Structures are given as C-alpha cells and as structure tokens.
Amino acid sequence: MGELAVVAQSLKKTYQRGGEPFWAVDDISFEIPAAGIYGLLGPNGAGKSTTLEMIAGLRKPDGGAVRVHGLDPFRDRAAITHRLSIQPQKAAVFQHQTVIELLSTWASFYPQARTARDIIDALALGPSASARVAKLSGGQLQRLLIGTAIISSPDVLILDEPSAGLDPNSRDDLWSAIRAEGERGATVILSTHSMEEAEALCESLAILNEGKIVANGSPHALISEHASGNVISFDMSSSRLDAFEANTELRELMASCSRKDQGAFSEVTVETTQAERFLKCLMSSNLAADVQNLTTTNAGLDSVFKKVTGRALEDD
C-alpha cells in the first residue's frame, strides 16, 4: 500500500440523548490511501458527519486517535488548515456578497488558490456569478459551499452529503468536479446515503450503521461478497400477497423479499441468485395476472446494506 492520507484507530464519540449517553461513533478503525475518492455510506444518524468532523479536527474524539498525513487534526490546527478543506452540510457565508466576490475572497486566503472563475465554471455557477448569496437557491448555495472547499486545491477534501438537494444536471456537474479532484491527486472523503452516488464516485467505502463500520471495500468487492445476484421488482395486487408469500416454490428461490404497501397494490422487491427460474415460476403461476411493472436489475449497494444490517437504507 502507498502513502496513507488518513489513519483512524478505535475512534469514539459520545453525545447525550434524552439525558443518556450514546455512542455516535463506536470504536471504528480505518485507513484511507492518498489520492482518490473514499466514501462513508449510511443512513442519517449512522455517525458519518461526526466521523468527518473528527477527521477535520472540528470535534475531539472521546477515544482513539486520527491522523491526517501524520498530523493530529485537533492539535495541529495551523499545519492542517493549509492541507485540508471541508464542506459541511451547513455553513455561514457572507450573504451580501455575490458568488464571484465570495469565491475571490476565499481565494485570497490561500497562496496557491484556483481562480474564482475556474470554480464557477467547474460547478456550473456561471448564471449565478453576479447574484448575491442571499438570493441563491438551496442547490446553488450547496455548489457554492463546495466551491469554497475546493478553491484552495487541498490535499484532503471532505464533503458531507455533497449532492443533497441538487437536481440531476447540477449533481452531474458536481460529480465531474469531485472526480477531477481525485484525478489531480487529492484525497476526497465524502459521506452519502445515496447508493447511486457511492457506486458512481467511490473507489472504496465504509458502510456505517449505528456508529459502527459493518463493511468496507470497493463497491465491486462489496457487491460480489454480499449481494451477488439480481433484484426483481414488481407491483402486485395487495389482495394476492398472501398467496404469493405462501408459494413454497417461489420462496425457495428468494434470498430476501420486501414489500411496500401502496393501497390496492404493493411494491414487491425480491433478491435472488436464480432470477431466470424465479421469473419462470412466477409467470407460470396463477399469480402472473396480478404482476405489473416488472423490472430486473443487478444487485447493488442497496442489497449490500440490507445484507450487512438486516434492513433497507431507505427505511430511515
């Protein structure tokens, strides 16, 4: 393994909830190589943001240690400031400056900063360049905050839910900018609860649940280990679900099955390593007339999350 950008050992952080302590981050350890994109995937409350804040030195661990390029981010603040940037979920910025004024101000803080215009082009903020920050939409403000993080060309870039609130076009522009950071040699660490984002961007990731790392590796390796097979989704008349669930031949072909009731119909999702046999059995049964909108896809990170936690990420 080459140079490590981040090393975390037995990290812990506790908060109070209802007067009782609980572990937001519960004894996690990981290593992140220099250069590339690393993800923290999990639902709200899994410990992603707290972990990022400890890496950035914004929160002091209650146990364990973290080092960023050998530096203690909490103790070595002056040294780490010029090597690490973070885009939190929420941040205060100068509301009366325009976008280009704000980015120019931010650029003046760093000796090797990119230009404001470069950031505006990278994040497709051109139409908003002369708009005051107070007038920006939520998605525009989100991209601007990311612009303030990447303008210094940091060695380590931390992004907390970077695509939250973005429309598909803005999200694609953002993803291109994030990939460019990894390609120039930065270590990008991002949190997300989007399976699509994690698969599209991350070379490696850790899945967090209730403060613990429950799986880690590349998306491909995680899918191969925990979720090989197919996901079959369809709508079925709710009145026929009992008959579907009682069908022994179908049950034997399913690795898992979940449903979401939608009134007269229910959305059924089946995971199976025998998709062809399952479909043949289903469509030759007396249930076939009750099946609508059937789709088959390869298993992905959503299946991995369900396998290692016992629940769907969307349940949160």
C-alpha atoms as a PDB file:
ATOM      1  CA  MET A   1       0.000   0.000   0.000  1.00  0.00           C
ATOM      2  CA  GLY A   2       1.230   3.511  -0.791  1.00  0.00           C
ATOM      3  CA  GLU A   3       1.055   6.630   1.321  1.00  0.00           C
ATOM      4  CA  LEU A   4      -1.877   6.890   3.703  1.00  0.00           C
ATOM      5  CA  ALA A   5      -3.758  10.161   3.920  1.00  0.00           C
ATOM      6  CA  VAL A   6      -5.886   9.253   6.950  1.00  0.00           C
ATOM      7  CA  VAL A   7      -5.390   6.687   9.701  1.00  0.00           C
ATOM      8  CA  ALA A   8      -8.106   6.258  12.337  1.00  0.00           C
ATOM      9  CA  GLN A   9      -7.737   3.878  15.257  1.00  0.00           C
ATOM     10  CA  SER A  10     -10.561   2.972  17.636  1.00  0.00           C
ATOM     11  CA  LEU A  11     -12.337   6.308  17.156  1.00  0.00           C
ATOM     12  CA  LYS A  12     -15.159   7.009  19.604  1.00  0.00           C
ATOM     13  CA  LYS A  13     -17.523   9.915  20.148  1.00  0.00           C
ATOM     14  CA  THR A  14     -20.398  10.077  22.600  1.00  0.00           C
ATOM     15  CA  TYR A  15     -23.326  12.500  22.884  1.00  0.00           C
ATOM     16  CA  GLN A  16     -26.313  12.837  25.186  1.00  0.00           C
ATOM     17  CA  ARG A  17     -29.724  11.654  24.013  1.00  0.00           C
ATOM     18  CA  GLY A  18     -32.669  12.027  26.378  1.00  0.00           C
ATOM     19  CA  GLY A  19     -30.271  12.514  29.261  1.00  0.00           C
ATOM     20  CA  GLU A  20     -28.461   9.265  28.476  1.00  0.00           C
ATOM     21  CA  PRO A  21     -25.100   8.889  26.718  1.00  0.00           C
ATOM     22  CA  PHE A  22     -24.953   7.106  23.383  1.00  0.00           C
ATOM     23  CA  TRP A  23     -22.045   6.313  21.084  1.00  0.00           C
ATOM     24  CA  ALA A  24     -22.440   8.275  17.840  1.00  0.00           C
ATOM     25  CA  VAL A  25     -19.144   6.732  16.697  1.00  0.00           C
ATOM     26  CA  ASP A  26     -18.363   3.441  18.384  1.00  0.00           C
ATOM     27  CA  ASP A  27     -14.780   2.180  18.156  1.00  0.00           C
ATOM     28  CA  ILE A  28     -14.132   2.396  14.400  1.00  0.00           C
ATOM     29  CA  SER A  29     -10.790   1.994  12.653  1.00  0.00           C
ATOM     30  CA  PHE A  30      -9.911   2.580   9.005  1.00  0.00           C
ATOM     31  CA  GLU A  31      -7.154   3.717   6.642  1.00  0.00           C
ATOM     32  CA  ILE A  32      -7.600   5.939   3.604  1.00  0.00           C
ATOM     33  CA  PRO A  33      -4.886   5.950   0.904  1.00  0.00           C
ATOM     34  CA  ALA A  34      -3.656   9.230  -0.515  1.00  0.00           C
ATOM     35  CA  ALA A  35      -5.363  10.259  -3.780  1.00  0.00           C
ATOM     36  CA  GLY A  36      -8.751   9.002  -4.871  1.00  0.00           C
ATOM     37  CA  ILE A  37     -12.306   9.071  -3.551  1.00  0.00           C
ATOM     38  CA  TYR A  38     -13.355   7.331  -0.335  1.00  0.00           C
ATOM     39  CA  GLY A  39     -16.939   7.178   0.878  1.00  0.00           C
ATOM     40  CA  LEU A  40     -18.824   6.819   4.134  1.00  0.00           C
ATOM     41  CA  LEU A  41     -22.216   5.307   3.308  1.00  0.00           C
ATOM     42  CA  GLY A  42     -25.077   5.034   5.749  1.00  0.00           C
ATOM     43  CA  PRO A  43     -28.405   6.429   6.943  1.00  0.00           C
ATOM     44  CA  ASN A  44     -28.915   9.608   8.944  1.00  0.00           C
ATOM     45  CA  GLY A  45     -27.561   9.112  12.455  1.00  0.00           C
ATOM     46  CA  ALA A  46     -25.060   6.437  11.422  1.00  0.00           C
ATOM     47  CA  GLY A  47     -22.076   8.552  12.538  1.00  0.00           C
ATOM     48  CA  LYS A  48     -20.900   9.793   9.137  1.00  0.00           C
ATOM     49  CA  SER A  49     -20.845  13.534   9.874  1.00  0.00           C
ATOM     50  CA  THR A  50     -19.276  13.062  13.311  1.00  0.00           C
ATOM     51  CA  THR A  51     -16.532  10.919  11.769  1.00  0.00           C
ATOM     52  CA  LEU A  52     -15.813  13.573   9.127  1.00  0.00           C
ATOM     53  CA  GLU A  53     -15.730  16.312  11.782  1.00  0.00           C
ATOM     54  CA  MET A  54     -13.167  14.345  13.819  1.00  0.00           C
ATOM     55  CA  ILE A  55     -11.011  13.858  10.705  1.00  0.00           C
ATOM     56  CA  ALA A  56     -11.212  17.616  10.077  1.00  0.00           C
ATOM     57  CA  GLY A  57     -10.403  18.500  13.694  1.00  0.00           C
ATOM     58  CA  LEU A  58     -13.786  20.113  14.320  1.00  0.00           C
ATOM     59  CA  ARG A  59     -14.638  17.606  17.053  1.00  0.00           C
ATOM     60  CA  LYS A  60     -12.266  15.982  19.501  1.00  0.00           C
ATOM     61  CA  PRO A  61     -12.608  12.204  19.805  1.00  0.00           C
ATOM     62  CA  ASP A  62     -13.639  10.806  23.177  1.00  0.00           C
ATOM     63  CA  GLY A  63     -11.462   7.806  22.462  1.00  0.00           C
ATOM     64  CA  GLY A  64      -8.962   6.590  19.911  1.00  0.00           C
ATOM     65  CA  ALA A  65      -6.947   8.718  17.518  1.00  0.00           C
ATOM     66  CA  VAL A  66      -6.951  10.037  13.961  1.00  0.00           C
ATOM     67  CA  ARG A  67      -4.042  11.311  11.903  1.00  0.00           C
ATOM     68  CA  VAL A  68      -4.131  13.179   8.585  1.00  0.00           C
ATOM     69  CA  HIS A  69      -0.828  12.919   6.731  1.00  0.00           C
ATOM     70  CA  GLY A  70       0.707  12.231  10.131  1.00  0.00           C
ATOM     71  CA  LEU A  71      -0.829  15.294  11.784  1.00  0.00           C
ATOM     72  CA  ASP A  72      -3.300  15.409  14.672  1.00  0.00           C
ATOM     73  CA  PRO A  73      -6.119  17.495  13.130  1.00  0.00           C
ATOM     74  CA  PHE A  74      -7.301  18.775  16.522  1.00  0.00           C
ATOM     75  CA  ARG A  75      -3.896  19.651  17.953  1.00  0.00           C
ATOM     76  CA  ASP A  76      -2.045  20.651  14.766  1.00  0.00           C
ATOM     77  CA  ARG A  77      -4.659  23.125  13.524  1.00  0.00           C
ATOM     78  CA  ALA A  78      -2.265  25.592  11.897  1.00  0.00           C
ATOM     79  CA  ALA A  79      -0.490  22.921   9.872  1.00  0.00           C
ATOM     80  CA  ILE A  80      -3.651  21.090   8.843  1.00  0.00           C
ATOM     81  CA  THR A  81      -5.501  24.222   7.682  1.00  0.00           C
ATOM     82  CA  HIS A  82      -3.429  24.501   4.512  1.00  0.00           C
ATOM     83  CA  ARG A  83      -3.802  20.811   3.650  1.00  0.00           C
ATOM     84  CA  LEU A  84      -7.441  20.045   4.387  1.00  0.00           C
ATOM     85  CA  SER A  85     -10.751  21.646   3.408  1.00  0.00           C
ATOM     86  CA  ILE A  86     -14.249  20.663   4.462  1.00  0.00           C
ATOM     87  CA  GLN A  87     -17.707  21.370   3.078  1.00  0.00           C
ATOM     88  CA  PRO A  88     -20.137  20.787   5.940  1.00  0.00           C
ATOM     89  CA  GLN A  89     -23.857  20.292   5.425  1.00  0.00           C
ATOM     90  CA  LYS A  90     -24.474  23.796   6.739  1.00  0.00           C
ATOM     91  CA  ALA A  91     -22.137  26.786   6.858  1.00  0.00           C
ATOM     92  CA  ALA A  92     -22.422  30.543   7.298  1.00  0.00           C
ATOM     93  CA  VAL A  93     -21.145  32.717   4.445  1.00  0.00           C
ATOM     94  CA  PHE A  94     -21.332  36.412   3.619  1.00  0.00           C
ATOM     95  CA  GLN A  95     -24.910  36.870   2.437  1.00  0.00           C
ATOM     96  CA  HIS A  96     -24.453  40.259   0.718  1.00  0.00           C
ATOM     97  CA  GLN A  97     -21.506  39.299  -1.474  1.00  0.00           C
ATOM     98  CA  THR A  98     -22.028  37.989  -4.985  1.00  0.00           C
ATOM     99  CA  VAL A  99     -20.900  34.492  -5.869  1.00  0.00           C
ATOM    100  CA  ILE A 100     -17.782  35.701  -7.655  1.00  0.00           C
ATOM    101  CA  GLU A 101     -16.969  38.160  -4.837  1.00  0.00           C
ATOM    102  CA  LEU A 102     -17.257  35.446  -2.208  1.00  0.00           C
ATOM    103  CA  LEU A 103     -15.073  33.000  -4.126  1.00  0.00           C
ATOM    104  CA  SER A 104     -12.496  35.738  -4.799  1.00  0.00           C
ATOM    105  CA  THR A 105     -12.419  36.495  -1.080  1.00  0.00           C
ATOM    106  CA  TRP A 106     -11.929  32.815  -0.301  1.00  0.00           C
ATOM    107  CA  ALA A 107      -9.148  32.545  -2.887  1.00  0.00           C
ATOM    108  CA  SER A 108      -7.271  35.413  -1.208  1.00  0.00           C
ATOM    109  CA  PHE A 109      -6.806  33.245   1.903  1.00  0.00           C
ATOM    110  CA  TYR A 110      -4.564  30.732   0.099  1.00  0.00           C
ATOM    111  CA  PRO A 111      -1.273  31.301  -1.769  1.00  0.00           C
ATOM    112  CA  GLN A 112      -1.902  28.632  -4.433  1.00  0.00           C
ATOM    113  CA  ALA A 113      -5.660  29.058  -4.841  1.00  0.00           C
ATOM    114  CA  ARG A 114      -7.602  28.489  -8.040  1.00  0.00           C
ATOM    115  CA  THR A 115      -9.381  31.483  -9.510  1.00  0.00           C
ATOM    116  CA  ALA A 116     -12.986  32.272  -8.703  1.00  0.00           C
ATOM    117  CA  ARG A 117     -13.869  31.978 -12.394  1.00  0.00           C
ATOM    118  CA  ASP A 118     -12.323  28.490 -12.552  1.00  0.00           C
ATOM    119  CA  ILE A 119     -14.552  27.328  -9.677  1.00  0.00           C
ATOM    120  CA  ILE A 120     -17.619  28.952 -11.207  1.00  0.00           C
ATOM    121  CA  ASP A 121     -17.016  27.102 -14.472  1.00  0.00           C
ATOM    122  CA  ALA A 122     -16.280  23.786 -12.731  1.00  0.00           C
ATOM    123  CA  LEU A 123     -19.532  23.873 -10.754  1.00  0.00           C
ATOM    124  CA  ALA A 124     -21.740  25.403 -13.481  1.00  0.00           C
ATOM    125  CA  LEU A 125     -22.370  28.550 -11.425  1.00  0.00           C
ATOM    126  CA  GLY A 126     -21.972  30.914 -14.378  1.00  0.00           C
ATOM    127  CA  PRO A 127     -25.601  32.142 -14.461  1.00  0.00           C
ATOM    128  CA  SER A 128     -25.345  32.901 -10.733  1.00  0.00           C
ATOM    129  CA  ALA A 129     -21.904  34.537 -10.745  1.00  0.00           C
ATOM    130  CA  SER A 130     -23.290  38.051 -10.162  1.00  0.00           C
ATOM    131  CA  ALA A 131     -26.102  37.005  -7.844  1.00  0.00           C
ATOM    132  CA  ARG A 132     -25.914  37.777  -4.156  1.00  0.00           C
ATOM    133  CA  VAL A 133     -25.526  34.774  -1.882  1.00  0.00           C
ATOM    134  CA  ALA A 134     -28.778  35.610  -0.073  1.00  0.00           C
ATOM    135  CA  LYS A 135     -30.680  35.155  -3.354  1.00  0.00           C
ATOM    136  CA  LEU A 136     -29.307  31.707  -4.240  1.00  0.00           C
ATOM    137  CA  SER A 137     -31.462  28.597  -4.298  1.00  0.00           C
ATOM    138  CA  GLY A 138     -30.595  25.721  -1.999  1.00  0.00           C
ATOM    139  CA  GLY A 139     -28.858  23.836  -4.794  1.00  0.00           C
ATOM    140  CA  GLN A 140     -26.842  26.864  -5.907  1.00  0.00           C
ATOM    141  CA  LEU A 141     -25.746  27.529  -2.332  1.00  0.00           C
ATOM    142  CA  GLN A 142     -24.719  23.896  -1.949  1.00  0.00           C
ATOM    143  CA  ARG A 143     -22.472  24.132  -5.011  1.00  0.00           C
ATOM    144  CA  LEU A 144     -21.043  27.441  -3.790  1.00  0.00           C
ATOM    145  CA  LEU A 145     -20.099  25.897  -0.446  1.00  0.00           C
ATOM    146  CA  ILE A 146     -18.324  23.093  -2.278  1.00  0.00           C
ATOM    147  CA  GLY A 147     -16.552  25.741  -4.351  1.00  0.00           C
ATOM    148  CA  THR A 148     -15.162  27.350  -1.183  1.00  0.00           C
ATOM    149  CA  ALA A 149     -13.787  23.938  -0.189  1.00  0.00           C
ATOM    150  CA  ILE A 150     -12.043  23.096  -3.472  1.00  0.00           C
ATOM    151  CA  ILE A 151     -10.702  26.570  -4.301  1.00  0.00           C
ATOM    152  CA  SER A 152      -7.572  26.031  -2.186  1.00  0.00           C
ATOM    153  CA  SER A 153      -6.672  22.775  -4.038  1.00  0.00           C
ATOM    154  CA  PRO A 154      -6.373  20.891  -0.736  1.00  0.00           C
ATOM    155  CA  ASP A 155      -4.541  17.612  -0.231  1.00  0.00           C
ATOM    156  CA  VAL A 156      -7.592  16.284   1.633  1.00  0.00           C
ATOM    157  CA  LEU A 157     -11.119  17.348   0.689  1.00  0.00           C
ATOM    158  CA  ILE A 158     -14.018  16.417   2.987  1.00  0.00           C
ATOM    159  CA  LEU A 159     -17.562  16.635   1.603  1.00  0.00           C
ATOM    160  CA  ASP A 160     -20.579  15.980   3.813  1.00  0.00           C
ATOM    161  CA  GLU A 161     -23.603  14.904   1.719  1.00  0.00           C
ATOM    162  CA  PRO A 162     -22.349  16.967  -1.249  1.00  0.00           C
ATOM    163  CA  SER A 163     -25.231  16.314  -3.644  1.00  0.00           C
ATOM    164  CA  ALA A 164     -28.067  16.812  -1.168  1.00  0.00           C
ATOM    165  CA  GLY A 165     -30.784  18.977  -2.702  1.00  0.00           C
ATOM    166  CA  LEU A 166     -29.294  19.088  -6.205  1.00  0.00           C
ATOM    167  CA  ASP A 167     -31.232  18.447  -9.389  1.00  0.00           C
ATOM    168  CA  PRO A 168     -29.820  15.738 -11.720  1.00  0.00           C
ATOM    169  CA  ASN A 169     -27.976  18.186 -14.022  1.00  0.00           C
ATOM    170  CA  SER A 170     -26.359  20.058 -11.131  1.00  0.00           C
ATOM    171  CA  ARG A 171     -25.488  16.764  -9.497  1.00  0.00           C
ATOM    172  CA  ASP A 172     -23.720  15.552 -12.639  1.00  0.00           C
ATOM    173  CA  ASP A 173     -21.687  18.796 -12.788  1.00  0.00           C
ATOM    174  CA  LEU A 174     -20.764  18.308  -9.145  1.00  0.00           C
ATOM    175  CA  TRP A 175     -19.752  14.696  -9.679  1.00  0.00           C
ATOM    176  CA  SER A 176     -17.461  15.781 -12.523  1.00  0.00           C
ATOM    177  CA  ALA A 177     -15.815  18.328 -10.229  1.00  0.00           C
ATOM    178  CA  ILE A 178     -15.361  15.726  -7.481  1.00  0.00           C
ATOM    179  CA  ARG A 179     -13.814  13.236  -9.906  1.00  0.00           C
ATOM    180  CA  ALA A 180     -11.435  15.959 -11.101  1.00  0.00           C
ATOM    181  CA  GLU A 181     -10.264  16.492  -7.501  1.00  0.00           C
ATOM    182  CA  GLY A 182      -9.418  12.822  -7.151  1.00  0.00           C
ATOM    183  CA  GLU A 183      -7.696  12.749 -10.528  1.00  0.00           C
ATOM    184  CA  ARG A 184      -5.421  15.680  -9.627  1.00  0.00           C
ATOM    185  CA  GLY A 185      -4.188  13.679  -6.590  1.00  0.00           C
ATOM    186  CA  ALA A 186      -6.411  14.931  -3.778  1.00  0.00           C
ATOM    187  CA  THR A 187      -7.876  12.536  -1.235  1.00  0.00           C
ATOM    188  CA  VAL A 188     -11.632  13.085  -1.327  1.00  0.00           C
ATOM    189  CA  ILE A 189     -13.660  11.773   1.615  1.00  0.00           C
ATOM    190  CA  LEU A 190     -17.403  12.094   1.204  1.00  0.00           C
ATOM    191  CA  SER A 191     -20.431  10.995   3.159  1.00  0.00           C
ATOM    192  CA  THR A 192     -23.622   9.972   1.441  1.00  0.00           C
ATOM    193  CA  HIS A 193     -26.788   7.967   1.902  1.00  0.00           C
ATOM    194  CA  SER A 194     -27.140   7.656  -1.887  1.00  0.00           C
ATOM    195  CA  MET A 195     -26.237   4.229  -3.234  1.00  0.00           C
ATOM    196  CA  GLU A 196     -26.019   5.689  -6.729  1.00  0.00           C
ATOM    197  CA  GLU A 197     -23.550   8.359  -5.647  1.00  0.00           C
ATOM    198  CA  ALA A 198     -21.385   5.876  -3.760  1.00  0.00           C
ATOM    199  CA  GLU A 199     -21.221   3.493  -6.728  1.00  0.00           C
ATOM    200  CA  ALA A 200     -20.592   6.315  -9.225  1.00  0.00           C
ATOM    201  CA  LEU A 201     -17.804   8.074  -7.332  1.00  0.00           C
ATOM    202  CA  CYS A 202     -16.131   5.966  -4.674  1.00  0.00           C
ATOM    203  CA  GLU A 203     -13.128   3.743  -5.266  1.00  0.00           C
ATOM    204  CA  SER A 204     -13.510   2.429  -1.741  1.00  0.00           C
ATOM    205  CA  LEU A 205     -16.039   2.970   1.020  1.00  0.00           C
ATOM    206  CA  ALA A 206     -17.106   2.043   4.526  1.00  0.00           C
ATOM    207  CA  ILE A 207     -20.713   1.270   5.389  1.00  0.00           C
ATOM    208  CA  LEU A 208     -21.684   2.732   8.760  1.00  0.00           C
ATOM    209  CA  ASN A 209     -24.678   1.725  10.854  1.00  0.00           C
ATOM    210  CA  GLU A 210     -25.381   2.866  14.414  1.00  0.00           C
ATOM    211  CA  GLY A 211     -21.866   4.208  14.848  1.00  0.00           C
ATOM    212  CA  LYS A 212     -20.029   1.106  13.647  1.00  0.00           C
ATOM    213  CA  ILE A 213     -18.373   0.099  10.389  1.00  0.00           C
ATOM    214  CA  VAL A 214     -20.237  -3.005   9.251  1.00  0.00           C
ATOM    215  CA  ALA A 215     -18.478  -3.489   5.893  1.00  0.00           C
ATOM    216  CA  ASN A 216     -15.743  -1.855   3.838  1.00  0.00           C
ATOM    217  CA  GLY A 217     -14.060  -2.268   0.480  1.00  0.00           C
ATOM    218  CA  SER A 218     -14.571  -1.237  -3.119  1.00  0.00           C
ATOM    219  CA  PRO A 219     -18.190  -1.129  -4.346  1.00  0.00           C
ATOM    220  CA  HIS A 220     -17.450  -4.016  -6.704  1.00  0.00           C
ATOM    221  CA  ALA A 221     -15.891  -6.157  -3.953  1.00  0.00           C
ATOM    222  CA  LEU A 222     -18.727  -5.439  -1.524  1.00  0.00           C
ATOM    223  CA  ILE A 223     -21.370  -6.334  -4.106  1.00  0.00           C
ATOM    224  CA  SER A 224     -19.506  -9.513  -5.080  1.00  0.00           C
ATOM    225  CA  GLU A 225     -19.161 -10.604  -1.439  1.00  0.00           C
ATOM    226  CA  HIS A 226     -22.566  -9.668  -0.069  1.00  0.00           C
ATOM    227  CA  ALA A 227     -25.023  -9.221  -2.911  1.00  0.00           C
ATOM    228  CA  SER A 228     -24.285 -11.272  -5.999  1.00  0.00           C
ATOM    229  CA  GLY A 229     -27.439 -11.967  -7.992  1.00  0.00           C
ATOM    230  CA  ASN A 230     -30.385  -9.908  -9.190  1.00  0.00           C
ATOM    231  CA  VAL A 231     -33.083  -7.664  -7.811  1.00  0.00           C
ATOM    232  CA  ILE A 232     -36.562  -8.241  -9.236  1.00  0.00           C
ATOM    233  CA  SER A 233     -39.185  -5.573  -8.553  1.00  0.00           C
ATOM    234  CA  PHE A 234     -42.856  -5.565  -9.431  1.00  0.00           C
ATOM    235  CA  ASP A 235     -46.275  -4.345  -8.341  1.00  0.00           C
ATOM    236  CA  MET A 236     -48.833  -6.859  -7.165  1.00  0.00           C
ATOM    237  CA  SER A 237     -52.440  -6.585  -6.083  1.00  0.00           C
ATOM    238  CA  SER A 238     -52.408  -6.379  -2.288  1.00  0.00           C
ATOM    239  CA  SER A 239     -55.168  -8.966  -2.118  1.00  0.00           C
ATOM    240  CA  ARG A 240     -52.823 -11.521  -3.702  1.00  0.00           C
ATOM    241  CA  LEU A 241     -49.825 -11.043  -1.438  1.00  0.00           C
ATOM    242  CA  ASP A 242     -50.807 -13.841   0.930  1.00  0.00           C
ATOM    243  CA  ALA A 243     -50.926 -16.277  -1.967  1.00  0.00           C
ATOM    244  CA  PHE A 244     -47.551 -15.016  -3.225  1.00  0.00           C
ATOM    245  CA  GLU A 245     -45.928 -15.412   0.181  1.00  0.00           C
ATOM    246  CA  ALA A 246     -47.448 -18.874   0.619  1.00  0.00           C
ATOM    247  CA  ASN A 247     -45.980 -20.151  -2.654  1.00  0.00           C
ATOM    248  CA  THR A 248     -43.311 -22.592  -1.470  1.00  0.00           C
ATOM    249  CA  GLU A 249     -41.565 -22.891  -4.845  1.00  0.00           C
ATOM    250  CA  LEU A 250     -41.142 -19.120  -5.119  1.00  0.00           C
ATOM    251  CA  ARG A 251     -39.951 -18.783  -1.514  1.00  0.00           C
ATOM    252  CA  GLU A 252     -37.200 -21.328  -2.077  1.00  0.00           C
ATOM    253  CA  LEU A 253     -35.812 -19.228  -4.944  1.00  0.00           C
ATOM    254  CA  MET A 254     -35.683 -15.950  -2.959  1.00  0.00           C
ATOM    255  CA  ALA A 255     -32.679 -14.761  -0.946  1.00  0.00           C
ATOM    256  CA  SER A 256     -34.856 -11.993   0.502  1.00  0.00           C
ATOM    257  CA  CYS A 257     -38.191 -10.331  -0.123  1.00  0.00           C
ATOM    258  CA  SER A 258     -39.626  -6.998   0.990  1.00  0.00           C
ATOM    259  CA  ARG A 259     -42.791  -5.108   0.189  1.00  0.00           C
ATOM    260  CA  LYS A 260     -44.096  -1.579   0.437  1.00  0.00           C
ATOM    261  CA  ASP A 261     -47.854  -1.256   0.661  1.00  0.00           C
ATOM    262  CA  GLN A 262     -49.406   1.329  -1.674  1.00  0.00           C
ATOM    263  CA  GLY A 263     -53.115   0.753  -1.084  1.00  0.00           C
ATOM    264  CA  ALA A 264     -54.641  -1.559  -3.678  1.00  0.00           C
ATOM    265  CA  PHE A 265     -51.156  -2.529  -4.897  1.00  0.00           C
ATOM    266  CA  SER A 266     -47.878  -3.281  -3.138  1.00  0.00           C
ATOM    267  CA  GLU A 267     -44.329  -2.800  -4.414  1.00  0.00           C
ATOM    268  CA  VAL A 268     -42.515  -6.128  -4.056  1.00  0.00           C
ATOM    269  CA  THR A 269     -38.708  -6.410  -4.188  1.00  0.00           C
ATOM    270  CA  VAL A 270     -37.073  -9.832  -4.415  1.00  0.00           C
ATOM    271  CA  GLU A 271     -33.376 -10.615  -4.312  1.00  0.00           C
ATOM    272  CA  THR A 272     -32.335 -13.895  -5.877  1.00  0.00           C
ATOM    273  CA  THR A 273     -29.360 -15.694  -7.370  1.00  0.00           C
ATOM    274  CA  GLN A 274     -31.764 -17.674  -9.569  1.00  0.00           C
ATOM    275  CA  ALA A 275     -33.546 -14.902 -11.415  1.00  0.00           C
ATOM    276  CA  GLU A 276     -34.412 -16.927 -14.512  1.00  0.00           C
ATOM    277  CA  ARG A 277     -36.004 -19.748 -12.509  1.00  0.00           C
ATOM    278  CA  PHE A 278     -37.859 -17.300 -10.252  1.00  0.00           C
ATOM    279  CA  LEU A 279     -39.331 -15.395 -13.189  1.00  0.00           C
ATOM    280  CA  LYS A 280     -40.348 -18.579 -14.979  1.00  0.00           C
ATOM    281  CA  CYS A 281     -42.033 -19.869 -11.833  1.00  0.00           C
ATOM    282  CA  LEU A 282     -43.779 -16.569 -11.114  1.00  0.00           C
ATOM    283  CA  MET A 283     -45.093 -16.001 -14.625  1.00  0.00           C
ATOM    284  CA  SER A 284     -46.332 -19.584 -14.997  1.00  0.00           C
ATOM    285  CA  SER A 285     -48.220 -19.459 -11.698  1.00  0.00           C
ATOM    286  CA  ASN A 286     -51.768 -18.275 -11.067  1.00  0.00           C
ATOM    287  CA  LEU A 287     -50.205 -15.030  -9.775  1.00  0.00           C
ATOM    288  CA  ALA A 288     -48.998 -13.875 -13.196  1.00  0.00           C
ATOM    289  CA  ALA A 289     -52.089 -11.808 -13.995  1.00  0.00           C
ATOM    290  CA  ASP A 290     -51.559  -9.815 -10.797  1.00  0.00           C
ATOM    291  CA  VAL A 291     -47.969  -8.770 -11.634  1.00  0.00           C
ATOM    292  CA  GLN A 292     -47.322  -5.319 -13.147  1.00  0.00           C
ATOM    293  CA  ASN A 293     -44.295  -3.091 -13.872  1.00  0.00           C
ATOM    294  CA  LEU A 294     -41.759  -5.898 -13.504  1.00  0.00           C
ATOM    295  CA  THR A 295     -38.072  -4.984 -13.713  1.00  0.00           C
ATOM    296  CA  THR A 296     -34.848  -6.928 -13.184  1.00  0.00           C
ATOM    297  CA  THR A 297     -31.528  -5.308 -12.251  1.00  0.00           C
ATOM    298  CA  ASN A 298     -28.176  -6.445 -10.932  1.00  0.00           C
ATOM    299  CA  ALA A 299     -27.804  -6.327  -7.166  1.00  0.00           C
ATOM    300  CA  GLY A 300     -26.077  -3.173  -5.897  1.00  0.00           C
ATOM    301  CA  LEU A 301     -25.026  -1.425  -2.728  1.00  0.00           C
ATOM    302  CA  ASP A 302     -28.618  -1.232  -1.506  1.00  0.00           C
ATOM    303  CA  SER A 303     -28.590  -5.032  -1.379  1.00  0.00           C
ATOM    304  CA  VAL A 304     -25.227  -4.957   0.405  1.00  0.00           C
ATOM    305  CA  PHE A 305     -26.571  -2.596   3.042  1.00  0.00           C
ATOM    306  CA  LYS A 306     -29.618  -4.777   3.597  1.00  0.00           C
ATOM    307  CA  LYS A 307     -27.424  -7.890   3.915  1.00  0.00           C
ATOM    308  CA  VAL A 308     -24.978  -6.458   6.462  1.00  0.00           C
ATOM    309  CA  THR A 309     -27.521  -4.534   8.564  1.00  0.00           C
ATOM    310  CA  GLY A 310     -30.716  -6.520   8.153  1.00  0.00           C
ATOM    311  CA  ARG A 311     -32.693  -3.500   6.944  1.00  0.00           C
ATOM    312  CA  ALA A 312     -33.053  -1.273   3.913  1.00  0.00           C
ATOM    313  CA  LEU A 313     -31.280   2.079   3.887  1.00  0.00           C
ATOM    314  CA  GLU A 314     -34.489   3.764   2.671  1.00  0.00           C
ATOM    315  CA  ASP A 315     -36.249   2.638   5.869  1.00  0.00           C
ATOM    316  CA  ASP A 316     -34.533   5.580   7.580  1.00  0.00           C
END
